Amino acid sequence: MSNTTELLQQALQALSPEHLDIQDDSAQHAGHAGARDGGKHYHLTIVSHRFSGLNRVQRHRLVYQTVGDLMQQQIHALAIHALTPEEI
């Protein structure tokens, strides 16, 4: 597990996830400008009650707000699949 993946996991604990899966997709983007310096592309699946009553954009904003500084340095792209427990 990469350092960035661990940092993502730690930051996302603030959303009290019931399920959290982070995939490092950086190898699929080799040669892409954002792939320089390694691990920069991630896919996130997160299930949390905190998403109840929020639409997709609001959920994504909450995730981006939660991971904050990681988006400025360690992450170039983050695909988000955010669900409530009732949606799985």
N, C-alpha and C. Protein backbone atom coordinates (compact mmCIF):
# COMPACT_ATOMS: atom_id res chain seq x y z
N MET A 1 0.84 -1.17 0.00
CA MET A 1 0.00 0.00 0.00
C MET A 1 0.89 1.24 0.00
N SER A 2 0.57 2.21 -0.86
CA SER A 2 1.40 3.41 -0.96
C SER A 2 1.12 4.36 0.20
N ASN A 3 2.05 5.26 0.41
CA ASN A 3 1.89 6.28 1.44
C ASN A 3 0.65 7.12 1.18
N THR A 4 0.39 7.47 -0.08
CA THR A 4 -0.78 8.27 -0.42
C THR A 4 -2.06 7.51 -0.11
N THR A 5 -2.09 6.22 -0.40
CA THR A 5 -3.27 5.41 -0.07
C THR A 5 -3.51 5.42 1.43
N GLU A 6 -2.47 5.29 2.21
CA GLU A 6 -2.61 5.32 3.67
C GLU A 6 -3.11 6.68 4.14
N LEU A 7 -2.60 7.75 3.55
CA LEU A 7 -3.05 9.09 3.91
C LEU A 7 -4.52 9.30 3.55
N LEU A 8 -4.93 8.78 2.40
CA LEU A 8 -6.33 8.84 2.00
C LEU A 8 -7.21 8.10 3.01
N GLN A 9 -6.80 6.90 3.37
CA GLN A 9 -7.57 6.12 4.34
C GLN A 9 -7.71 6.87 5.65
N GLN A 10 -6.64 7.45 6.12
CA GLN A 10 -6.67 8.19 7.39
C GLN A 10 -7.61 9.39 7.29
N ALA A 11 -7.50 10.17 6.23
CA ALA A 11 -8.33 11.36 6.07
C ALA A 11 -9.81 11.00 5.97
N LEU A 12 -10.11 9.93 5.25
CA LEU A 12 -11.51 9.55 5.01
C LEU A 12 -12.19 8.94 6.23
N GLN A 13 -11.42 8.62 7.27
CA GLN A 13 -12.03 8.12 8.51
C GLN A 13 -12.95 9.19 9.11
N ALA A 14 -12.73 10.45 8.77
CA ALA A 14 -13.59 11.54 9.26
C ALA A 14 -15.03 11.38 8.78
N LEU A 15 -15.24 10.61 7.70
CA LEU A 15 -16.58 10.38 7.17
C LEU A 15 -17.22 9.12 7.74
N SER A 16 -16.57 8.50 8.70
CA SER A 16 -17.07 7.27 9.35
C SER A 16 -17.55 6.24 8.32
N PRO A 17 -16.67 5.83 7.42
CA PRO A 17 -17.10 4.89 6.37
C PRO A 17 -17.42 3.51 6.91
N GLU A 18 -18.47 2.91 6.35
CA GLU A 18 -18.79 1.51 6.64
C GLU A 18 -17.99 0.60 5.70
N HIS A 19 -17.64 1.15 4.56
CA HIS A 19 -16.82 0.44 3.57
C HIS A 19 -15.94 1.47 2.90
N LEU A 20 -14.68 1.10 2.68
CA LEU A 20 -13.73 2.00 2.03
C LEU A 20 -12.78 1.15 1.19
N ASP A 21 -12.74 1.44 -0.10
CA ASP A 21 -11.83 0.75 -1.01
C ASP A 21 -11.12 1.79 -1.85
N ILE A 22 -9.80 1.77 -1.80
CA ILE A 22 -8.99 2.72 -2.57
C ILE A 22 -8.09 1.91 -3.50
N GLN A 23 -8.22 2.17 -4.79
CA GLN A 23 -7.40 1.50 -5.79
C GLN A 23 -6.44 2.51 -6.40
N ASP A 24 -5.17 2.16 -6.45
CA ASP A 24 -4.16 2.99 -7.10
C ASP A 24 -4.12 2.58 -8.57
N ASP A 25 -4.61 3.45 -9.43
CA ASP A 25 -4.66 3.19 -10.87
C ASP A 25 -3.52 3.87 -11.63
N SER A 26 -2.52 4.32 -10.93
CA SER A 26 -1.44 5.10 -11.54
C SER A 26 -0.74 4.36 -12.67
N ALA A 27 -0.55 3.06 -12.54
CA ALA A 27 0.16 2.29 -13.57
C ALA A 27 -0.57 2.34 -14.91
N GLN A 28 -1.88 2.50 -14.87
CA GLN A 28 -2.67 2.57 -16.11
C GLN A 28 -2.48 3.90 -16.83
N HIS A 29 -1.85 4.85 -16.16
CA HIS A 29 -1.67 6.18 -16.73
C HIS A 29 -0.21 6.52 -16.98
N ALA A 30 0.62 5.50 -17.11
CA ALA A 30 2.05 5.71 -17.36
C ALA A 30 2.23 6.58 -18.59
N GLY A 31 3.10 7.56 -18.48
CA GLY A 31 3.36 8.46 -19.59
C GLY A 31 2.49 9.70 -19.58
N HIS A 32 1.39 9.66 -18.85
CA HIS A 32 0.50 10.81 -18.71
C HIS A 32 1.17 11.83 -17.80
N ALA A 33 1.00 13.11 -18.07
CA ALA A 33 1.67 14.17 -17.29
C ALA A 33 1.41 14.03 -15.80
N GLY A 34 0.20 13.67 -15.40
CA GLY A 34 -0.13 13.54 -13.99
C GLY A 34 0.49 12.33 -13.34
N ALA A 35 1.04 11.43 -14.14
CA ALA A 35 1.62 10.20 -13.58
C ALA A 35 3.08 10.39 -13.18
N ARG A 36 3.66 11.54 -13.49
CA ARG A 36 5.04 11.79 -13.06
C ARG A 36 5.14 11.64 -11.56
N ASP A 37 6.27 11.23 -11.09
CA ASP A 37 6.55 11.07 -9.66
C ASP A 37 5.73 9.96 -9.02
N GLY A 38 5.16 9.06 -9.80
CA GLY A 38 4.45 7.91 -9.25
C GLY A 38 3.09 8.25 -8.69
N GLY A 39 2.39 7.21 -8.20
CA GLY A 39 1.06 7.22 -7.61
C GLY A 39 0.25 8.48 -7.56
N LYS A 40 -0.44 8.79 -8.61
CA LYS A 40 -1.23 10.02 -8.64
C LYS A 40 -2.68 9.81 -9.07
N HIS A 41 -3.06 8.63 -9.54
CA HIS A 41 -4.41 8.35 -10.02
C HIS A 41 -5.06 7.29 -9.12
N TYR A 42 -6.22 7.63 -8.56
CA TYR A 42 -6.88 6.72 -7.61
C TYR A 42 -8.36 6.60 -7.92
N HIS A 43 -8.91 5.45 -7.54
CA HIS A 43 -10.35 5.20 -7.62
C HIS A 43 -10.82 4.87 -6.22
N LEU A 44 -11.84 5.59 -5.77
CA LEU A 44 -12.34 5.46 -4.41
C LEU A 44 -13.78 5.00 -4.40
N THR A 45 -14.06 3.96 -3.63
CA THR A 45 -15.44 3.57 -3.32
C THR A 45 -15.60 3.72 -1.82
N ILE A 46 -16.58 4.51 -1.43
CA ILE A 46 -16.80 4.77 -0.01
C ILE A 46 -18.30 4.71 0.29
N VAL A 47 -18.64 4.04 1.39
CA VAL A 47 -20.02 3.92 1.85
C VAL A 47 -20.09 4.55 3.23
N SER A 48 -20.98 5.54 3.36
CA SER A 48 -21.09 6.26 4.63
C SER A 48 -22.49 6.85 4.79
N HIS A 49 -22.96 6.86 6.02
CA HIS A 49 -24.23 7.53 6.33
C HIS A 49 -24.14 9.04 6.10
N ARG A 50 -22.92 9.55 6.10
CA ARG A 50 -22.72 11.00 5.90
C ARG A 50 -23.20 11.47 4.53
N PHE A 51 -23.40 10.55 3.60
CA PHE A 51 -23.87 10.92 2.26
C PHE A 51 -25.39 10.96 2.16
N SER A 52 -26.09 10.56 3.21
CA SER A 52 -27.56 10.55 3.20
C SER A 52 -28.08 11.96 2.94
N GLY A 53 -29.01 12.07 2.01
CA GLY A 53 -29.63 13.35 1.69
C GLY A 53 -28.79 14.24 0.78
N LEU A 54 -27.62 13.78 0.37
CA LEU A 54 -26.76 14.57 -0.52
C LEU A 54 -26.82 14.01 -1.93
N ASN A 55 -26.80 14.91 -2.91
CA ASN A 55 -26.74 14.44 -4.29
C ASN A 55 -25.29 14.12 -4.64
N ARG A 56 -25.06 13.66 -5.85
CA ARG A 56 -23.73 13.21 -6.25
C ARG A 56 -22.68 14.33 -6.13
N VAL A 57 -23.00 15.51 -6.60
CA VAL A 57 -22.05 16.63 -6.53
C VAL A 57 -21.72 16.97 -5.08
N GLN A 58 -22.72 17.01 -4.23
CA GLN A 58 -22.49 17.31 -2.81
C GLN A 58 -21.63 16.23 -2.15
N ARG A 59 -21.84 14.99 -2.51
CA ARG A 59 -21.02 13.90 -1.98
C ARG A 59 -19.56 14.06 -2.39
N HIS A 60 -19.36 14.36 -3.67
CA HIS A 60 -18.00 14.53 -4.17
C HIS A 60 -17.32 15.72 -3.49
N ARG A 61 -18.06 16.80 -3.33
CA ARG A 61 -17.49 17.97 -2.64
C ARG A 61 -17.09 17.62 -1.22
N LEU A 62 -17.91 16.83 -0.54
CA LEU A 62 -17.59 16.43 0.83
C LEU A 62 -16.31 15.60 0.86
N VAL A 63 -16.16 14.69 -0.08
CA VAL A 63 -14.94 13.88 -0.15
C VAL A 63 -13.73 14.77 -0.43
N TYR A 64 -13.85 15.66 -1.43
CA TYR A 64 -12.72 16.55 -1.77
C TYR A 64 -12.35 17.44 -0.58
N GLN A 65 -13.35 17.94 0.12
CA GLN A 65 -13.10 18.76 1.31
C GLN A 65 -12.37 17.94 2.37
N THR A 66 -12.75 16.69 2.53
CA THR A 66 -12.17 15.82 3.54
C THR A 66 -10.72 15.47 3.24
N VAL A 67 -10.40 15.25 1.98
CA VAL A 67 -9.01 14.87 1.64
C VAL A 67 -8.13 16.09 1.38
N GLY A 68 -8.75 17.26 1.25
CA GLY A 68 -8.07 18.55 1.18
C GLY A 68 -6.73 18.62 0.51
N ASP A 69 -5.70 18.76 1.32
CA ASP A 69 -4.34 19.00 0.83
C ASP A 69 -3.80 17.88 -0.05
N LEU A 70 -4.29 16.67 0.12
CA LEU A 70 -3.80 15.57 -0.72
C LEU A 70 -4.08 15.85 -2.20
N MET A 71 -5.19 16.54 -2.48
CA MET A 71 -5.53 16.86 -3.86
C MET A 71 -4.58 17.89 -4.45
N GLN A 72 -3.88 18.62 -3.62
CA GLN A 72 -2.96 19.64 -4.10
C GLN A 72 -1.58 19.08 -4.43
N GLN A 73 -1.22 17.97 -3.81
CA GLN A 73 0.14 17.45 -3.95
C GLN A 73 0.20 16.01 -4.46
N GLN A 74 -0.35 15.08 -3.69
CA GLN A 74 -0.15 13.66 -3.97
C GLN A 74 -1.12 13.07 -4.99
N ILE A 75 -2.25 13.72 -5.24
CA ILE A 75 -3.27 13.13 -6.11
C ILE A 75 -3.51 14.02 -7.33
N HIS A 76 -3.43 13.40 -8.51
CA HIS A 76 -3.72 14.11 -9.75
C HIS A 76 -5.17 13.88 -10.16
N ALA A 77 -5.66 12.64 -9.95
CA ALA A 77 -7.02 12.29 -10.34
C ALA A 77 -7.62 11.34 -9.30
N LEU A 78 -8.87 11.63 -8.93
CA LEU A 78 -9.57 10.80 -7.96
C LEU A 78 -10.98 10.54 -8.47
N ALA A 79 -11.22 9.30 -8.86
CA ALA A 79 -12.57 8.88 -9.27
C ALA A 79 -13.30 8.45 -8.00
N ILE A 80 -14.50 8.99 -7.81
CA ILE A 80 -15.24 8.76 -6.56
C ILE A 80 -16.55 8.06 -6.82
N HIS A 81 -16.78 6.99 -6.06
CA HIS A 81 -18.05 6.29 -6.04
C HIS A 81 -18.50 6.35 -4.58
N ALA A 82 -19.40 7.29 -4.27
CA ALA A 82 -19.83 7.54 -2.89
C ALA A 82 -21.29 7.12 -2.72
N LEU A 83 -21.52 6.21 -1.77
CA LEU A 83 -22.85 5.64 -1.54
C LEU A 83 -23.25 5.71 -0.09
N THR A 84 -24.56 5.63 0.15
CA THR A 84 -25.04 5.43 1.51
C THR A 84 -25.18 3.93 1.71
N PRO A 85 -25.25 3.47 2.96
CA PRO A 85 -25.43 2.03 3.20
C PRO A 85 -26.70 1.48 2.54
N GLU A 86 -27.72 2.29 2.44
CA GLU A 86 -28.98 1.84 1.83
C GLU A 86 -28.85 1.63 0.32
N GLU A 87 -27.85 2.21 -0.30
CA GLU A 87 -27.69 2.13 -1.74
C GLU A 87 -26.86 0.94 -2.20
N ILE A 88 -26.30 0.18 -1.27
CA ILE A 88 -25.50 -0.96 -1.70
C ILE A 88 -26.31 -2.23 -1.68
